[in-house]
Amino acid sequence: MNSNKLFIILPGFTMNHHGMKNLIEMFKEYIPRTRSIILKPPLRNITIYKNKKYRSWFDYYTDYYDKEDCINNEHLIQSRKRIHKRIQDELKSTNINNA
């Protein structure tokens, strides 16, 4: 597809890429000539959930409902770097507008 727009979809905590496919179809329908990619969060042991493995951009140390959770900041930085690298790679390899 010859597109000049890109949506990068980042699934949330415990979500996988399969649940995002309807979103991509919606983008295709309403915003033609748009390419979409889904970045899968890594499978991690999540401290607050007895170290069970879930898809997550970072480890959660707390599970607050009324304030910000405590998280593994190093995981957050790693995820941010991964996302930024993918954006840069996409800009280099396609005709994406970076404005």
PDB file of N, CA and C in Angstrom:
ATOM      1  N   MET A   1       0.841  -1.167   0.000  1.00  0.00           N
ATOM      2  CA  MET A   1       0.000   0.000   0.000  1.00  0.00           C
ATOM      3  C   MET A   1       0.892   1.238   0.000  1.00  0.00           C
ATOM      4  N   ASN A   2       0.549   2.165  -0.833  1.00  0.00           N
ATOM      5  CA  ASN A   2       1.280   3.416  -0.909  1.00  0.00           C
ATOM      6  C   ASN A   2       0.582   4.430   0.002  1.00  0.00           C
ATOM      7  N   SER A   3       1.067   4.562   1.222  1.00  0.00           N
ATOM      8  CA  SER A   3       0.425   5.474   2.166  1.00  0.00           C
ATOM      9  C   SER A   3       1.451   6.451   2.703  1.00  0.00           C
ATOM     10  N   ASN A   4       0.952   7.564   3.179  1.00  0.00           N
ATOM     11  CA  ASN A   4       1.854   8.534   3.794  1.00  0.00           C
ATOM     12  C   ASN A   4       1.487   8.809   5.247  1.00  0.00           C
ATOM     13  N   LYS A   5       0.633   7.957   5.797  1.00  0.00           N
ATOM     14  CA  LYS A   5       0.252   8.080   7.203  1.00  0.00           C
ATOM     15  C   LYS A   5       0.440   6.722   7.872  1.00  0.00           C
ATOM     16  N   LEU A   6       0.779   6.762   9.157  1.00  0.00           N
ATOM     17  CA  LEU A   6       1.011   5.538   9.903  1.00  0.00           C
ATOM     18  C   LEU A   6       0.418   5.673  11.296  1.00  0.00           C
ATOM     19  N   PHE A   7      -0.331   4.670  11.704  1.00  0.00           N
ATOM     20  CA  PHE A   7      -0.790   4.556  13.076  1.00  0.00           C
ATOM     21  C   PHE A   7       0.017   3.445  13.725  1.00  0.00           C
ATOM     22  N   ILE A   8       0.630   3.760  14.856  1.00  0.00           N
ATOM     23  CA  ILE A   8       1.309   2.741  15.641  1.00  0.00           C
ATOM     24  C   ILE A   8       0.434   2.501  16.860  1.00  0.00           C
ATOM     25  N   ILE A   9      -0.036   1.280  16.987  1.00  0.00           N
ATOM     26  CA  ILE A   9      -0.973   0.924  18.053  1.00  0.00           C
ATOM     27  C   ILE A   9      -0.205   0.216  19.157  1.00  0.00           C
ATOM     28  N   LEU A  10      -0.401   0.696  20.372  1.00  0.00           N
ATOM     29  CA  LEU A  10       0.267   0.127  21.544  1.00  0.00           C
ATOM     30  C   LEU A  10      -0.786  -0.496  22.452  1.00  0.00           C
ATOM     31  N   PRO A  11      -0.938  -1.810  22.417  1.00  0.00           N
ATOM     32  CA  PRO A  11      -1.922  -2.447  23.296  1.00  0.00           C
ATOM     33  C   PRO A  11      -1.608  -2.172  24.764  1.00  0.00           C
ATOM     34  N   GLY A  12      -2.653  -2.064  25.559  1.00  0.00           N
ATOM     35  CA  GLY A  12      -2.502  -1.802  26.983  1.00  0.00           C
ATOM     36  C   GLY A  12      -2.195  -3.059  27.775  1.00  0.00           C
ATOM     37  N   PHE A  13      -2.124  -2.896  29.065  1.00  0.00           N
ATOM     38  CA  PHE A  13      -1.778  -3.973  29.982  1.00  0.00           C
ATOM     39  C   PHE A  13      -2.671  -5.189  29.758  1.00  0.00           C
ATOM     40  N   THR A  14      -2.071  -6.333  29.615  1.00  0.00           N
ATOM     41  CA  THR A  14      -2.672  -7.658  29.390  1.00  0.00           C
ATOM     42  C   THR A  14      -3.281  -7.829  28.003  1.00  0.00           C
ATOM     43  N   MET A  15      -3.259  -6.812  27.166  1.00  0.00           N
ATOM     44  CA  MET A  15      -3.857  -6.917  25.833  1.00  0.00           C
ATOM     45  C   MET A  15      -2.848  -7.525  24.867  1.00  0.00           C
ATOM     46  N   ASN A  16      -3.372  -8.166  23.840  1.00  0.00           N
ATOM     47  CA  ASN A  16      -2.490  -8.668  22.798  1.00  0.00           C
ATOM     48  C   ASN A  16      -2.887  -8.057  21.464  1.00  0.00           C
ATOM     49  N   HIS A  17      -2.106  -8.342  20.464  1.00  0.00           N
ATOM     50  CA  HIS A  17      -2.329  -7.730  19.160  1.00  0.00           C
ATOM     51  C   HIS A  17      -3.589  -8.244  18.466  1.00  0.00           C
ATOM     52  N   HIS A  18      -4.056  -9.423  18.835  1.00  0.00           N
ATOM     53  CA  HIS A  18      -5.239  -9.981  18.180  1.00  0.00           C
ATOM     54  C   HIS A  18      -6.476  -9.125  18.437  1.00  0.00           C
ATOM     55  N   GLY A  19      -6.585  -8.574  19.622  1.00  0.00           N
ATOM     56  CA  GLY A  19      -7.728  -7.738  19.962  1.00  0.00           C
ATOM     57  C   GLY A  19      -7.725  -6.383  19.284  1.00  0.00           C
ATOM     58  N   MET A  20      -6.647  -6.036  18.629  1.00  0.00           N
ATOM     59  CA  MET A  20      -6.515  -4.733  17.995  1.00  0.00           C
ATOM     60  C   MET A  20      -6.861  -4.765  16.499  1.00  0.00           C
ATOM     61  N   LYS A  21      -7.094  -5.947  15.949  1.00  0.00           N
ATOM     62  CA  LYS A  21      -7.316  -6.049  14.507  1.00  0.00           C
ATOM     63  C   LYS A  21      -8.568  -5.303  14.052  1.00  0.00           C
ATOM     64  N   ASN A  22      -9.605  -5.258  14.877  1.00  0.00           N
ATOM     65  CA  ASN A  22     -10.804  -4.489  14.513  1.00  0.00           C
ATOM     66  C   ASN A  22     -10.495  -3.013  14.412  1.00  0.00           C
ATOM     67  N   LEU A  23      -9.607  -2.537  15.264  1.00  0.00           N
ATOM     68  CA  LEU A  23      -9.205  -1.141  15.224  1.00  0.00           C
ATOM     69  C   LEU A  23      -8.513  -0.819  13.899  1.00  0.00           C
ATOM     70  N   ILE A  24      -7.667  -1.716  13.450  1.00  0.00           N
ATOM     71  CA  ILE A  24      -6.989  -1.509  12.164  1.00  0.00           C
ATOM     72  C   ILE A  24      -7.990  -1.470  11.024  1.00  0.00           C
ATOM     73  N   GLU A  25      -8.980  -2.359  11.051  1.00  0.00           N
ATOM     74  CA  GLU A  25     -10.011  -2.354  10.008  1.00  0.00           C
ATOM     75  C   GLU A  25     -10.770  -1.033  10.011  1.00  0.00           C
ATOM     76  N   MET A  26     -11.037  -0.491  11.183  1.00  0.00           N
ATOM     77  CA  MET A  26     -11.721   0.784  11.281  1.00  0.00           C
ATOM     78  C   MET A  26     -10.865   1.902  10.669  1.00  0.00           C
ATOM     79  N   PHE A  27      -9.565   1.887  10.954  1.00  0.00           N
ATOM     80  CA  PHE A  27      -8.681   2.886  10.350  1.00  0.00           C
ATOM     81  C   PHE A  27      -8.738   2.803   8.832  1.00  0.00           C
ATOM     82  N   LYS A  28      -8.691   1.596   8.296  1.00  0.00           N
ATOM     83  CA  LYS A  28      -8.715   1.422   6.840  1.00  0.00           C
ATOM     84  C   LYS A  28     -10.004   1.973   6.242  1.00  0.00           C
ATOM     85  N   GLU A  29     -11.098   1.771   6.952  1.00  0.00           N
ATOM     86  CA  GLU A  29     -12.394   2.220   6.442  1.00  0.00           C
ATOM     87  C   GLU A  29     -12.535   3.734   6.484  1.00  0.00           C
ATOM     88  N   TYR A  30     -12.156   4.344   7.602  1.00  0.00           N
ATOM     89  CA  TYR A  30     -12.388   5.772   7.790  1.00  0.00           C
ATOM     90  C   TYR A  30     -11.224   6.656   7.379  1.00  0.00           C
ATOM     91  N   ILE A  31     -10.040   6.103   7.357  1.00  0.00           N
ATOM     92  CA  ILE A  31      -8.866   6.890   6.976  1.00  0.00           C
ATOM     93  C   ILE A  31      -8.090   6.082   5.935  1.00  0.00           C
ATOM     94  N   PRO A  32      -8.541   6.137   4.682  1.00  0.00           N
ATOM     95  CA  PRO A  32      -7.861   5.353   3.646  1.00  0.00           C
ATOM     96  C   PRO A  32      -6.398   5.779   3.471  1.00  0.00           C
ATOM     97  N   ARG A  33      -5.660   4.905   2.862  1.00  0.00           N
ATOM     98  CA  ARG A  33      -4.234   5.145   2.599  1.00  0.00           C
ATOM     99  C   ARG A  33      -3.449   5.346   3.883  1.00  0.00           C
ATOM    100  N   THR A  34      -3.874   4.669   4.914  1.00  0.00           N
ATOM    101  CA  THR A  34      -3.184   4.717   6.191  1.00  0.00           C
ATOM    102  C   THR A  34      -2.698   3.321   6.525  1.00  0.00           C
ATOM    103  N   ARG A  35      -1.468   3.228   6.923  1.00  0.00           N
ATOM    104  CA  ARG A  35      -0.904   1.948   7.331  1.00  0.00           C
ATOM    105  C   ARG A  35      -0.891   1.896   8.846  1.00  0.00           C
ATOM    106  N   SER A  36      -1.185   0.729   9.393  1.00  0.00           N
ATOM    107  CA  SER A  36      -1.203   0.549  10.841  1.00  0.00           C
ATOM    108  C   SER A  36      -0.310  -0.615  11.217  1.00  0.00           C
ATOM    109  N   ILE A  37       0.401  -0.458  12.307  1.00  0.00           N
ATOM    110  CA  ILE A  37       1.180  -1.560  12.860  1.00  0.00           C
ATOM    111  C   ILE A  37       0.885  -1.643  14.351  1.00  0.00           C
ATOM    112  N   ILE A  38       1.004  -2.836  14.867  1.00  0.00           N
ATOM    113  CA  ILE A  38       0.768  -3.065  16.290  1.00  0.00           C
ATOM    114  C   ILE A  38       2.071  -3.541  16.904  1.00  0.00           C
ATOM    115  N   LEU A  39       2.510  -2.856  17.945  1.00  0.00           N
ATOM    116  CA  LEU A  39       3.681  -3.306  18.686  1.00  0.00           C
ATOM    117  C   LEU A  39       3.206  -4.132  19.868  1.00  0.00           C
ATOM    118  N   LYS A  40       3.703  -5.333  19.974  1.00  0.00           N
ATOM    119  CA  LYS A  40       3.314  -6.190  21.089  1.00  0.00           C
ATOM    120  C   LYS A  40       4.133  -5.847  22.321  1.00  0.00           C
ATOM    121  N   PRO A  41       3.461  -5.646  23.453  1.00  0.00           N
ATOM    122  CA  PRO A  41       4.222  -5.475  24.694  1.00  0.00           C
ATOM    123  C   PRO A  41       4.930  -6.780  25.041  1.00  0.00           C
ATOM    124  N   PRO A  42       6.061  -6.700  25.711  1.00  0.00           N
ATOM    125  CA  PRO A  42       6.756  -7.924  26.117  1.00  0.00           C
ATOM    126  C   PRO A  42       5.936  -8.714  27.133  1.00  0.00           C
ATOM    127  N   LEU A  43       6.205  -9.979  27.199  1.00  0.00           N
ATOM    128  CA  LEU A  43       5.628 -10.836  28.222  1.00  0.00           C
ATOM    129  C   LEU A  43       6.510 -10.700  29.457  1.00  0.00           C
ATOM    130  N   ARG A  44       5.925 -10.227  30.557  1.00  0.00           N
ATOM    131  CA  ARG A  44       6.704  -9.935  31.757  1.00  0.00           C
ATOM    132  C   ARG A  44       6.069 -10.578  32.988  1.00  0.00           C
ATOM    133  N   ASN A  45       6.909 -10.843  33.976  1.00  0.00           N
ATOM    134  CA  ASN A  45       6.408 -11.200  35.295  1.00  0.00           C
ATOM    135  C   ASN A  45       5.937  -9.917  35.960  1.00  0.00           C
ATOM    136  N   ILE A  46       4.701  -9.911  36.432  1.00  0.00           N
ATOM    137  CA  ILE A  46       4.126  -8.721  37.050  1.00  0.00           C
ATOM    138  C   ILE A  46       4.073  -8.922  38.563  1.00  0.00           C
ATOM    139  N   THR A  47       4.843  -8.119  39.257  1.00  0.00           N
ATOM    140  CA  THR A  47       5.027  -8.267  40.696  1.00  0.00           C
ATOM    141  C   THR A  47       3.710  -8.291  41.457  1.00  0.00           C
ATOM    142  N   ILE A  48       2.838  -7.335  41.212  1.00  0.00           N
ATOM    143  CA  ILE A  48       1.607  -7.215  41.983  1.00  0.00           C
ATOM    144  C   ILE A  48       0.683  -8.416  41.775  1.00  0.00           C
ATOM    145  N   TYR A  49       0.835  -9.111  40.680  1.00  0.00           N
ATOM    146  CA  TYR A  49       0.012 -10.285  40.387  1.00  0.00           C
ATOM    147  C   TYR A  49       0.795 -11.577  40.586  1.00  0.00           C
ATOM    148  N   LYS A  50       1.517 -11.637  41.693  1.00  0.00           N
ATOM    149  CA  LYS A  50       2.252 -12.839  42.120  1.00  0.00           C
ATOM    150  C   LYS A  50       3.201 -13.358  41.036  1.00  0.00           C
ATOM    151  N   ASN A  51       3.805 -12.441  40.317  1.00  0.00           N
ATOM    152  CA  ASN A  51       4.788 -12.731  39.266  1.00  0.00           C
ATOM    153  C   ASN A  51       4.251 -13.567  38.111  1.00  0.00           C
ATOM    154  N   LYS A  52       2.934 -13.553  37.917  1.00  0.00           N
ATOM    155  CA  LYS A  52       2.378 -14.200  36.724  1.00  0.00           C
ATOM    156  C   LYS A  52       2.793 -13.387  35.507  1.00  0.00           C
ATOM    157  N   LYS A  53       2.905 -14.069  34.373  1.00  0.00           N
ATOM    158  CA  LYS A  53       3.321 -13.398  33.147  1.00  0.00           C
ATOM    159  C   LYS A  53       2.111 -12.793  32.433  1.00  0.00           C
ATOM    160  N   TYR A  54       2.281 -11.516  32.063  1.00  0.00           N
ATOM    161  CA  TYR A  54       1.279 -10.798  31.287  1.00  0.00           C
ATOM    162  C   TYR A  54       2.000  -9.951  30.249  1.00  0.00           C
ATOM    163  N   ARG A  55       1.281  -9.586  29.205  1.00  0.00           N
ATOM    164  CA  ARG A  55       1.820  -8.627  28.246  1.00  0.00           C
ATOM    165  C   ARG A  55       1.750  -7.245  28.897  1.00  0.00           C
ATOM    166  N   SER A  56       2.901  -6.598  28.992  1.00  0.00           N
ATOM    167  CA  SER A  56       2.948  -5.297  29.650  1.00  0.00           C
ATOM    168  C   SER A  56       4.206  -4.552  29.227  1.00  0.00           C
ATOM    169  N   TRP A  57       4.090  -3.253  29.110  1.00  0.00           N
ATOM    170  CA  TRP A  57       5.244  -2.429  28.765  1.00  0.00           C
ATOM    171  C   TRP A  57       6.187  -2.280  29.946  1.00  0.00           C
ATOM    172  N   PHE A  58       5.686  -2.531  31.158  1.00  0.00           N
ATOM    173  CA  PHE A  58       6.512  -2.437  32.359  1.00  0.00           C
ATOM    174  C   PHE A  58       5.862  -3.240  33.476  1.00  0.00           C
ATOM    175  N   ASP A  59       6.654  -3.557  34.497  1.00  0.00           N
ATOM    176  CA  ASP A  59       6.174  -4.287  35.669  1.00  0.00           C
ATOM    177  C   ASP A  59       5.428  -3.329  36.592  1.00  0.00           C
ATOM    178  N   TYR A  60       4.340  -3.807  37.139  1.00  0.00           N
ATOM    179  CA  TYR A  60       3.563  -3.057  38.128  1.00  0.00           C
ATOM    180  C   TYR A  60       3.912  -3.565  39.517  1.00  0.00           C
ATOM    181  N   TYR A  61       4.250  -2.625  40.409  1.00  0.00           N
ATOM    182  CA  TYR A  61       4.517  -2.971  41.796  1.00  0.00           C
ATOM    183  C   TYR A  61       3.285  -2.768  42.674  1.00  0.00           C
ATOM    184  N   THR A  62       2.352  -1.930  42.225  1.00  0.00           N
ATOM    185  CA  THR A  62       1.128  -1.641  42.974  1.00  0.00           C
ATOM    186  C   THR A  62      -0.069  -1.730  42.039  1.00  0.00           C
ATOM    187  N   ASP A  63      -1.237  -1.804  42.631  1.00  0.00           N
ATOM    188  CA  ASP A  63      -2.484  -1.868  41.870  1.00  0.00           C
ATOM    189  C   ASP A  63      -3.486  -0.893  42.483  1.00  0.00           C
ATOM    190  N   TYR A  64      -3.189   0.390  42.345  1.00  0.00           N
ATOM    191  CA  TYR A  64      -4.058   1.418  42.907  1.00  0.00           C
ATOM    192  C   TYR A  64      -5.194   1.709  41.939  1.00  0.00           C
ATOM    193  N   TYR A  65      -6.335   2.049  42.461  1.00  0.00           N
ATOM    194  CA  TYR A  65      -7.435   2.472  41.600  1.00  0.00           C
ATOM    195  C   TYR A  65      -7.672   3.980  41.704  1.00  0.00           C
ATOM    196  N   ASP A  66      -7.094   4.607  42.703  1.00  0.00           N
ATOM    197  CA  ASP A  66      -7.363   6.027  42.929  1.00  0.00           C
ATOM    198  C   ASP A  66      -6.128   6.921  42.830  1.00  0.00           C
ATOM    199  N   LYS A  67      -4.983   6.337  42.488  1.00  0.00           N
ATOM    200  CA  LYS A  67      -3.775   7.141  42.290  1.00  0.00           C
ATOM    201  C   LYS A  67      -2.824   6.383  41.367  1.00  0.00           C
ATOM    202  N   GLU A  68      -1.752   7.024  41.013  1.00  0.00           N
ATOM    203  CA  GLU A  68      -0.782   6.452  40.070  1.00  0.00           C
ATOM    204  C   GLU A  68      -0.098   5.224  40.661  1.00  0.00           C
ATOM    205  N   ASP A  69       0.011   4.167  39.837  1.00  0.00           N
ATOM    206  CA  ASP A  69       0.702   2.958  40.276  1.00  0.00           C
ATOM    207  C   ASP A  69       2.209   3.171  40.345  1.00  0.00           C
ATOM    208  N   CYS A  70       2.867   2.381  41.187  1.00  0.00           N
ATOM    209  CA  CYS A  70       4.324   2.317  41.202  1.00  0.00           C
ATOM    210  C   CYS A  70       4.721   1.265  40.173  1.00  0.00           C
ATOM    211  N   ILE A  71       5.672   1.618  39.330  1.00  0.00           N
ATOM    212  CA  ILE A  71       6.067   0.726  38.234  1.00  0.00           C
ATOM    213  C   ILE A  71       7.581   0.593  38.174  1.00  0.00           C
ATOM    214  N   ASN A  72       8.038  -0.333  37.344  1.00  0.00           N
ATOM    215  CA  ASN A  72       9.461  -0.505  37.103  1.00  0.00           C
ATOM    216  C   ASN A  72       9.878   0.533  36.060  1.00  0.00           C
ATOM    217  N   ASN A  73      10.569   1.564  36.509  1.00  0.00           N
ATOM    218  CA  ASN A  73      10.955   2.655  35.608  1.00  0.00           C
ATOM    219  C   ASN A  73      11.936   2.215  34.533  1.00  0.00           C
ATOM    220  N   GLU A  74      12.785   1.251  34.836  1.00  0.00           N
ATOM    221  CA  GLU A  74      13.732   0.758  33.825  1.00  0.00           C
ATOM    222  C   GLU A  74      12.978   0.086  32.678  1.00  0.00           C
ATOM    223  N   HIS A  75      11.942  -0.664  32.993  1.00  0.00           N
ATOM    224  CA  HIS A  75      11.109  -1.265  31.945  1.00  0.00           C
ATOM    225  C   HIS A  75      10.449  -0.181  31.102  1.00  0.00           C
ATOM    226  N   LEU A  76       9.976   0.872  31.764  1.00  0.00           N
ATOM    227  CA  LEU A  76       9.348   1.977  31.042  1.00  0.00           C
ATOM    228  C   LEU A  76      10.336   2.615  30.059  1.00  0.00           C
ATOM    229  N   ILE A  77      11.561   2.832  30.501  1.00  0.00           N
ATOM    230  CA  ILE A  77      12.596   3.422  29.637  1.00  0.00           C
ATOM    231  C   ILE A  77      12.913   2.478  28.479  1.00  0.00           C
ATOM    232  N   GLN A  78      13.032   1.179  28.746  1.00  0.00           N
ATOM    233  CA  GLN A  78      13.281   0.204  27.681  1.00  0.00           C
ATOM    234  C   GLN A  78      12.154   0.222  26.649  1.00  0.00           C
ATOM    235  N   SER A  79      10.930   0.257  27.127  1.00  0.00           N
ATOM    236  CA  SER A  79       9.781   0.275  26.215  1.00  0.00           C
ATOM    237  C   SER A  79       9.762   1.553  25.384  1.00  0.00           C
ATOM    238  N   ARG A  80      10.041   2.668  26.027  1.00  0.00           N
ATOM    239  CA  ARG A  80      10.080   3.940  25.301  1.00  0.00           C
ATOM    240  C   ARG A  80      11.136   3.900  24.198  1.00  0.00           C
ATOM    241  N   LYS A  81      12.312   3.374  24.507  1.00  0.00           N
ATOM    242  CA  LYS A  81      13.371   3.268  23.495  1.00  0.00           C
ATOM    243  C   LYS A  81      12.945   2.382  22.343  1.00  0.00           C
ATOM    244  N   ARG A  82      12.301   1.264  22.669  1.00  0.00           N
ATOM    245  CA  ARG A  82      11.828   0.350  21.626  1.00  0.00           C
ATOM    246  C   ARG A  82      10.810   1.028  20.705  1.00  0.00           C
ATOM    247  N   ILE A  83       9.878   1.766  21.297  1.00  0.00           N
ATOM    248  CA  ILE A  83       8.851   2.463  20.518  1.00  0.00           C
ATOM    249  C   ILE A  83       9.488   3.553  19.660  1.00  0.00           C
ATOM    250  N   HIS A  84      10.385   4.325  20.234  1.00  0.00           N
ATOM    251  CA  HIS A  84      11.056   5.385  19.462  1.00  0.00           C
ATOM    252  C   HIS A  84      11.877   4.805  18.315  1.00  0.00           C
ATOM    253  N   LYS A  85      12.551   3.695  18.572  1.00  0.00           N
ATOM    254  CA  LYS A  85      13.333   3.053  17.505  1.00  0.00           C
ATOM    255  C   LYS A  85      12.425   2.606  16.366  1.00  0.00           C
ATOM    256  N   ARG A  86      11.289   2.034  16.695  1.00  0.00           N
ATOM    257  CA  ARG A  86      10.366   1.589  15.645  1.00  0.00           C
ATOM    258  C   ARG A  86       9.856   2.763  14.828  1.00  0.00           C
ATOM    259  N   ILE A  87       9.561   3.873  15.483  1.00  0.00           N
ATOM    260  CA  ILE A  87       9.124   5.067  14.767  1.00  0.00           C
ATOM    261  C   ILE A  87      10.222   5.538  13.825  1.00  0.00           C
ATOM    262  N   GLN A  88      11.449   5.616  14.314  1.00  0.00           N
ATOM    263  CA  GLN A  88      12.568   6.047  13.464  1.00  0.00           C
ATOM    264  C   GLN A  88      12.775   5.089  12.293  1.00  0.00           C
ATOM    265  N   ASP A  89      12.693   3.786  12.542  1.00  0.00           N
ATOM    266  CA  ASP A  89      12.834   2.793  11.471  1.00  0.00           C
ATOM    267  C   ASP A  89      11.751   2.975  10.410  1.00  0.00           C
ATOM    268  N   GLU A  90      10.535   3.231  10.842  1.00  0.00           N
ATOM    269  CA  GLU A  90       9.431   3.432   9.903  1.00  0.00           C
ATOM    270  C   GLU A  90       9.643   4.701   9.078  1.00  0.00           C
ATOM    271  N   LEU A  91      10.126   5.751   9.715  1.00  0.00           N
ATOM    272  CA  LEU A  91      10.371   6.999   8.994  1.00  0.00           C
ATOM    273  C   LEU A  91      11.455   6.822   7.931  1.00  0.00           C
ATOM    274  N   LYS A  92      12.463   6.022   8.250  1.00  0.00           N
ATOM    275  CA  LYS A  92      13.555   5.788   7.307  1.00  0.00           C
ATOM    276  C   LYS A  92      13.126   4.924   6.129  1.00  0.00           C
ATOM    277  N   SER A  93      12.257   3.959   6.375  1.00  0.00           N
ATOM    278  CA  SER A  93      11.951   2.964   5.347  1.00  0.00           C
ATOM    279  C   SER A  93      10.715   3.265   4.514  1.00  0.00           C
ATOM    280  N   THR A  94       9.968   4.300   4.859  1.00  0.00           N
ATOM    281  CA  THR A  94       8.740   4.609   4.122  1.00  0.00           C
ATOM    282  C   THR A  94       8.663   6.084   3.833  1.00  0.00           C
ATOM    283  N   ASN A  95       7.603   6.432   3.142  1.00  0.00           N
ATOM    284  CA  ASN A  95       7.341   7.823   2.799  1.00  0.00           C
ATOM    285  C   ASN A  95       6.321   8.404   3.785  1.00  0.00           C
ATOM    286  N   ILE A  96       6.617   8.299   5.062  1.00  0.00           N
ATOM    287  CA  ILE A  96       5.700   8.766   6.097  1.00  0.00           C
ATOM    288  C   ILE A  96       5.975  10.242   6.366  1.00  0.00           C
ATOM    289  N   ASN A  97       4.895  11.014   6.467  1.00  0.00           N
ATOM    290  CA  ASN A  97       5.052  12.418   6.859  1.00  0.00           C
ATOM    291  C   ASN A  97       5.424  12.477   8.314  1.00  0.00           C
ATOM    292  N   ASN A  98       6.504  13.145   8.650  1.00  0.00           N
ATOM    293  CA  ASN A  98       6.900  13.240  10.051  1.00  0.00           C
ATOM    294  C   ASN A  98       6.629  14.613  10.634  1.00  0.00           C
ATOM    295  N   ALA A  99       5.659  15.285  10.082  1.00  0.00           N
ATOM    296  CA  ALA A  99       5.269  16.601  10.615  1.00  0.00           C
ATOM    297  C   ALA A  99       4.290  16.451  11.746  1.00  0.00           C
TER     298      ALA A  99
END
